[in-house]
Amino acid sequence: MNISNIIASMISEMLEDGGSTEIQRNELAQRVGCVPSQINYVISSRFTPEHGYIVESQRGGGGYIRITRVNFDVDTLKMHLVNSVGSQIDEGTCRAHIKNLYEREIIDEKTAKLMISSLCGNAYRDIPKSYADTVRASIFKQILLNTL
C-alpha cells in the first residue's frame, strides 16, 4: 500500500467515529513517517467537496485541519450537486461525484456504471473539449434530477 493510501485510510478511520475529525498535520506526518506536504496532498485530492467532505484549517502554532463528512438528505444532496456542477464539468469531477453517490448507497452499482458510461470521455470524443464539458454538465444535471 502506498503512503497516500495509508494516510487516507488513517483519516477515514478517524472519521468513522463521528463523521468529523481534527488532525494536526505535523503530528500525523510524524506518525506516518512522511513530510507534512504529503498530508496536504491527500486531503486536497481525496477529501474534497466532490467526495462529500468539508475541510477547514486553522494555521499557526496550535493549528489543525478539521475534516467533516457531510451527510445531506437525498433532496438536499441533489440540489447541492446540481448547483455545484455549474455550466461545465470535466470527466474526473463527474466520476468523483458518482463514486461518492455509490459509496453513500444513494445509487446502486448498475446506475453508477450507466452514469459513468454516459458521462465518460469516449462518449464525447467527437465534440471539442470546450463543448464536451458543457454538454456533460447539462446531461449530468438531468440525470441527477431524474435519477435521485
Protein backbone atom coordinates (compact mmCIF):
# COMPACT_ATOMS: atom_id res chain seq x y z
CA MET A 1 0.00 0.00 0.00
CA ASN A 2 1.45 3.39 -0.92
CA ILE A 3 1.82 6.26 1.54
CA SER A 4 -1.15 8.23 0.17
CA ASN A 5 -3.44 5.23 0.67
CA ILE A 6 -2.14 4.74 4.22
CA ILE A 7 -2.80 8.40 5.08
CA ALA A 8 -6.28 8.29 3.50
CA SER A 9 -7.11 5.11 5.43
CA MET A 10 -5.97 6.63 8.72
CA ILE A 11 -8.07 9.74 8.16
CA SER A 12 -11.08 7.64 7.11
CA GLU A 13 -10.77 5.59 10.31
CA MET A 14 -10.71 8.80 12.35
CA LEU A 15 -13.89 9.94 10.58
CA GLU A 16 -15.76 6.72 11.33
CA ASP A 17 -16.34 7.66 14.98
CA GLY A 18 -18.46 10.75 14.45
CA GLY A 19 -18.09 11.89 10.86
CA SER A 20 -15.66 14.62 11.85
CA THR A 21 -12.06 14.74 13.00
CA GLU A 22 -9.36 17.28 13.75
CA ILE A 23 -5.80 16.46 12.87
CA GLN A 24 -2.51 18.17 13.39
CA ARG A 25 -0.69 17.90 10.09
CA ASN A 26 2.82 17.67 11.54
CA GLU A 27 1.76 15.13 14.14
CA LEU A 28 0.09 12.87 11.57
CA ALA A 29 3.07 13.20 9.22
CA GLN A 30 5.38 12.15 12.03
CA ARG A 31 3.19 9.13 12.87
CA VAL A 32 3.10 8.02 9.24
CA GLY A 33 6.73 8.87 8.54
CA CYS A 34 6.24 11.32 5.71
CA VAL A 35 6.55 15.03 5.04
CA PRO A 36 3.62 17.30 6.04
CA SER A 37 3.03 18.28 2.40
CA GLN A 38 2.05 14.65 1.73
CA ILE A 39 -0.78 15.06 4.25
CA ASN A 40 -1.88 18.21 2.38
CA TYR A 41 -1.83 16.33 -0.92
CA VAL A 42 -4.03 13.51 0.38
CA ILE A 43 -6.52 15.90 1.94
CA SER A 44 -6.72 18.12 -1.13
CA SER A 45 -7.15 15.18 -3.51
CA ARG A 46 -9.30 12.72 -1.55
CA PHE A 47 -11.27 14.73 0.99
CA THR A 48 -12.90 17.26 -1.31
CA PRO A 49 -16.46 18.57 -1.55
CA GLU A 50 -16.92 16.32 -4.61
CA HIS A 51 -16.14 13.37 -2.34
CA GLY A 52 -18.55 14.63 0.32
CA TYR A 53 -16.21 16.39 2.76
CA ILE A 54 -15.76 19.86 4.17
CA VAL A 55 -12.19 20.77 5.13
CA GLU A 56 -11.39 23.68 7.42
CA SER A 57 -7.95 24.66 8.60
CA GLN A 58 -6.55 26.84 11.34
CA ARG A 59 -2.96 27.87 10.80
CA GLY A 60 -0.43 28.71 13.44
CA GLY A 61 1.24 27.03 16.41
CA GLY A 62 -1.87 25.23 17.63
CA GLY A 63 -3.28 24.89 14.13
CA TYR A 64 -5.36 21.98 12.97
CA ILE A 65 -7.22 20.62 9.99
CA ARG A 66 -10.86 19.70 10.58
CA ILE A 67 -12.40 17.25 8.14
CA THR A 68 -16.15 16.64 8.23
CA ARG A 69 -18.11 14.11 6.20
CA VAL A 70 -21.24 15.89 5.01
CA ASN A 71 -24.48 13.96 5.47
CA PHE A 72 -27.29 15.52 3.47
CA ASP A 73 -30.72 14.06 2.91
CA VAL A 74 -31.20 13.00 -0.73
CA ASP A 75 -33.14 16.12 -1.81
CA THR A 76 -30.56 18.48 -0.30
CA LEU A 77 -27.73 16.45 -1.79
CA LYS A 78 -29.39 16.51 -5.21
CA MET A 79 -29.74 20.30 -5.16
CA HIS A 80 -26.19 20.72 -3.82
CA LEU A 81 -24.82 18.58 -6.66
CA VAL A 82 -26.86 20.28 -9.36
CA ASN A 83 -25.74 23.70 -8.11
CA SER A 84 -22.08 22.65 -7.79
CA VAL A 85 -21.90 21.31 -11.35
CA GLY A 86 -22.25 24.76 -12.90
CA SER A 87 -22.20 25.22 -16.65
CA GLN A 88 -19.25 22.87 -17.26
CA ILE A 89 -17.87 19.74 -15.63
CA ASP A 90 -14.92 17.55 -16.53
CA GLU A 91 -14.94 13.76 -16.57
CA GLY A 92 -12.83 13.38 -13.41
CA THR A 93 -15.17 15.53 -11.33
CA CYS A 94 -18.19 13.61 -12.66
CA ARG A 95 -16.55 10.33 -11.69
CA ALA A 96 -15.84 11.66 -8.18
CA HIS A 97 -19.47 12.71 -7.71
CA ILE A 98 -20.75 9.35 -8.99
CA LYS A 99 -18.32 7.43 -6.77
CA ASN A 100 -19.49 9.45 -3.77
CA LEU A 101 -23.15 8.70 -4.57
CA TYR A 102 -22.36 5.00 -4.91
CA GLU A 103 -20.29 4.81 -1.71
CA ARG A 104 -23.10 6.50 0.21
CA GLU A 105 -25.50 3.92 -1.26
CA ILE A 106 -27.64 6.62 -2.88
CA ILE A 107 -27.28 4.89 -6.24
CA ASP A 108 -26.64 1.22 -6.96
CA GLU A 109 -23.77 -0.23 -8.97
CA LYS A 110 -25.80 -0.56 -12.17
CA THR A 111 -26.86 3.10 -12.02
CA ALA A 112 -23.28 4.22 -11.28
CA LYS A 113 -21.96 2.29 -14.28
CA LEU A 114 -24.68 3.68 -16.52
CA MET A 115 -23.93 7.23 -15.35
CA ILE A 116 -20.19 6.81 -15.90
CA SER A 117 -20.66 5.34 -19.37
CA SER A 118 -22.93 8.21 -20.40
CA LEU A 119 -20.59 10.87 -19.00
CA CYS A 120 -17.15 9.44 -19.85
CA GLY A 121 -14.67 10.91 -22.30
CA ASN A 122 -15.25 8.38 -25.08
CA ALA A 123 -18.88 9.41 -25.39
CA TYR A 124 -17.69 12.97 -26.14
CA ARG A 125 -14.63 12.25 -28.30
CA ASP A 126 -16.13 13.85 -31.42
CA ILE A 127 -17.09 17.05 -29.58
CA PRO A 128 -14.49 19.81 -28.95
CA LYS A 129 -13.44 19.79 -25.27
CA SER A 130 -14.88 23.25 -24.60
CA TYR A 131 -18.30 21.99 -25.72
CA ALA A 132 -17.95 18.50 -24.25
CA ASP A 133 -17.71 19.79 -20.68
CA THR A 134 -20.79 21.96 -21.24
CA VAL A 135 -22.81 19.09 -22.73
CA ARG A 136 -21.58 16.76 -19.95
CA ALA A 137 -22.74 19.24 -17.29
CA SER A 138 -26.19 19.52 -18.84
CA ILE A 139 -26.60 15.75 -19.12
CA PHE A 140 -25.25 15.15 -15.61
CA LYS A 141 -27.73 17.65 -14.13
CA GLN A 142 -30.63 15.97 -15.93
CA ILE A 143 -29.51 12.53 -14.72
CA LEU A 144 -29.26 13.82 -11.14
CA LEU A 145 -32.68 15.48 -11.26
CA ASN A 146 -34.36 12.42 -12.74
CA THR A 147 -32.47 9.59 -11.00
CA LEU A 148 -32.09 10.61 -7.36
